[in-house]
N, C-alpha and C. Protein backbone atom coordinates (compact mmCIF):
# COMPACT_ATOMS: atom_id res chain seq x y z
N MET A 1 299.38 146.38 127.43
CA MET A 1 298.33 147.20 127.99
C MET A 1 298.42 147.15 129.51
N LYS A 2 298.13 148.29 130.08
CA LYS A 2 298.18 148.39 131.54
C LYS A 2 296.79 148.70 132.07
N TRP A 3 296.40 147.97 133.10
CA TRP A 3 295.11 148.19 133.75
C TRP A 3 295.33 148.97 135.02
N GLU A 4 294.46 149.93 135.27
CA GLU A 4 294.53 150.74 136.49
C GLU A 4 293.95 149.94 137.66
N ASN A 5 294.18 150.44 138.86
CA ASN A 5 293.66 149.79 140.07
C ASN A 5 292.14 149.74 140.09
N ASN A 6 291.49 150.69 139.40
CA ASN A 6 290.03 150.73 139.38
C ASN A 6 289.44 149.79 138.33
N GLY A 7 290.30 149.02 137.65
CA GLY A 7 289.83 148.06 136.67
C GLY A 7 289.69 148.60 135.27
N GLU A 8 290.01 149.88 135.06
CA GLU A 8 289.93 150.48 133.74
C GLU A 8 291.29 150.45 133.06
N LEU A 9 291.25 150.48 131.75
CA LEU A 9 292.47 150.51 130.96
C LEU A 9 293.14 151.87 131.13
N ALA A 10 294.45 151.87 131.22
CA ALA A 10 295.20 153.12 131.33
C ALA A 10 294.84 154.03 130.16
N GLN A 11 294.76 155.33 130.39
CA GLN A 11 294.30 156.28 129.38
C GLN A 11 295.12 156.22 128.09
N ARG A 12 296.41 156.12 128.19
CA ARG A 12 297.26 156.06 127.00
C ARG A 12 296.95 154.80 126.19
N ASP A 13 296.77 153.68 126.88
CA ASP A 13 296.47 152.43 126.19
C ASP A 13 295.07 152.45 125.59
N LEU A 14 294.11 153.06 126.29
CA LEU A 14 292.77 153.18 125.76
C LEU A 14 292.76 154.03 124.50
N SER A 15 293.48 155.12 124.53
CA SER A 15 293.56 156.00 123.36
C SER A 15 294.17 155.25 122.17
N GLU A 16 295.22 154.52 122.39
CA GLU A 16 295.87 153.75 121.32
C GLU A 16 294.95 152.65 120.80
N LEU A 17 294.24 151.98 121.68
CA LEU A 17 293.31 150.93 121.28
C LEU A 17 292.19 151.50 120.40
N VAL A 18 291.63 152.62 120.82
CA VAL A 18 290.56 153.25 120.03
C VAL A 18 291.10 153.65 118.66
N ARG A 19 292.29 154.23 118.62
CA ARG A 19 292.89 154.64 117.34
C ARG A 19 293.06 153.44 116.40
N ARG A 20 293.55 152.35 116.94
CA ARG A 20 293.74 151.15 116.10
C ARG A 20 292.41 150.56 115.65
N LEU A 21 291.42 150.55 116.54
CA LEU A 21 290.11 150.03 116.15
C LEU A 21 289.48 150.89 115.06
N LEU A 22 289.66 152.19 115.11
CA LEU A 22 289.12 153.07 114.07
C LEU A 22 289.70 152.72 112.71
N ASP A 23 290.95 152.25 112.70
CA ASP A 23 291.59 151.88 111.43
C ASP A 23 290.98 150.63 110.81
N VAL A 24 290.40 149.75 111.62
CA VAL A 24 289.93 148.47 111.08
C VAL A 24 288.42 148.25 111.19
N GLU A 25 287.74 149.01 112.03
CA GLU A 25 286.30 148.80 112.24
C GLU A 25 285.46 149.33 111.09
N ALA A 26 284.30 148.74 110.94
CA ALA A 26 283.33 149.22 109.96
C ALA A 26 282.87 150.62 110.37
N THR A 27 282.44 151.39 109.38
CA THR A 27 282.07 152.78 109.65
C THR A 27 280.88 152.91 110.59
N ASN A 28 280.02 151.91 110.68
CA ASN A 28 278.87 152.05 111.58
C ASN A 28 279.30 152.05 113.05
N HIS A 29 280.51 151.63 113.35
CA HIS A 29 281.02 151.68 114.73
C HIS A 29 281.94 152.90 114.93
N GLY A 30 282.25 153.57 113.85
CA GLY A 30 283.19 154.69 113.92
C GLY A 30 282.74 155.81 114.84
N ASP A 31 281.45 156.15 114.83
CA ASP A 31 280.96 157.23 115.69
C ASP A 31 281.16 156.91 117.16
N GLU A 32 280.86 155.69 117.55
CA GLU A 32 281.02 155.30 118.96
C GLU A 32 282.49 155.27 119.34
N LEU A 33 283.34 154.77 118.47
CA LEU A 33 284.77 154.75 118.76
C LEU A 33 285.33 156.17 118.86
N THR A 34 284.86 157.05 117.99
CA THR A 34 285.29 158.44 118.06
C THR A 34 284.88 159.07 119.38
N ARG A 35 283.67 158.77 119.82
CA ARG A 35 283.19 159.29 121.11
C ARG A 35 284.08 158.78 122.25
N LEU A 36 284.41 157.50 122.22
CA LEU A 36 285.28 156.94 123.26
C LEU A 36 286.67 157.57 123.20
N GLY A 37 287.17 157.76 121.99
CA GLY A 37 288.49 158.37 121.83
C GLY A 37 288.51 159.79 122.36
N THR A 38 287.45 160.54 122.12
CA THR A 38 287.35 161.90 122.62
C THR A 38 287.31 161.90 124.13
N LYS A 39 286.55 160.98 124.70
CA LYS A 39 286.43 160.89 126.16
C LYS A 39 287.79 160.58 126.78
N CYS A 40 288.52 159.64 126.23
CA CYS A 40 289.79 159.27 126.85
C CYS A 40 290.82 160.37 126.66
N ASN A 41 290.78 161.13 125.56
CA ASN A 41 291.72 162.22 125.36
C ASN A 41 291.42 163.39 126.29
N GLU A 42 290.17 163.60 126.65
CA GLU A 42 289.80 164.68 127.57
C GLU A 42 290.31 164.42 128.97
N GLU A 43 290.43 163.16 129.36
CA GLU A 43 290.83 162.80 130.73
C GLU A 43 292.33 162.78 130.93
N GLU A 44 293.11 162.91 129.87
CA GLU A 44 294.57 162.84 130.01
C GLU A 44 295.13 164.07 130.67
């Protein structure tokens, strides 16, 4: 994983992390992860 100078995770790594978490997280967290995934894909 690569961190940007502003302290945030690089967009590609964030997208991959969200995708992997969606595979293993309980469904009650799925909506929030989907929202994060959508946000990171919009910024690419």
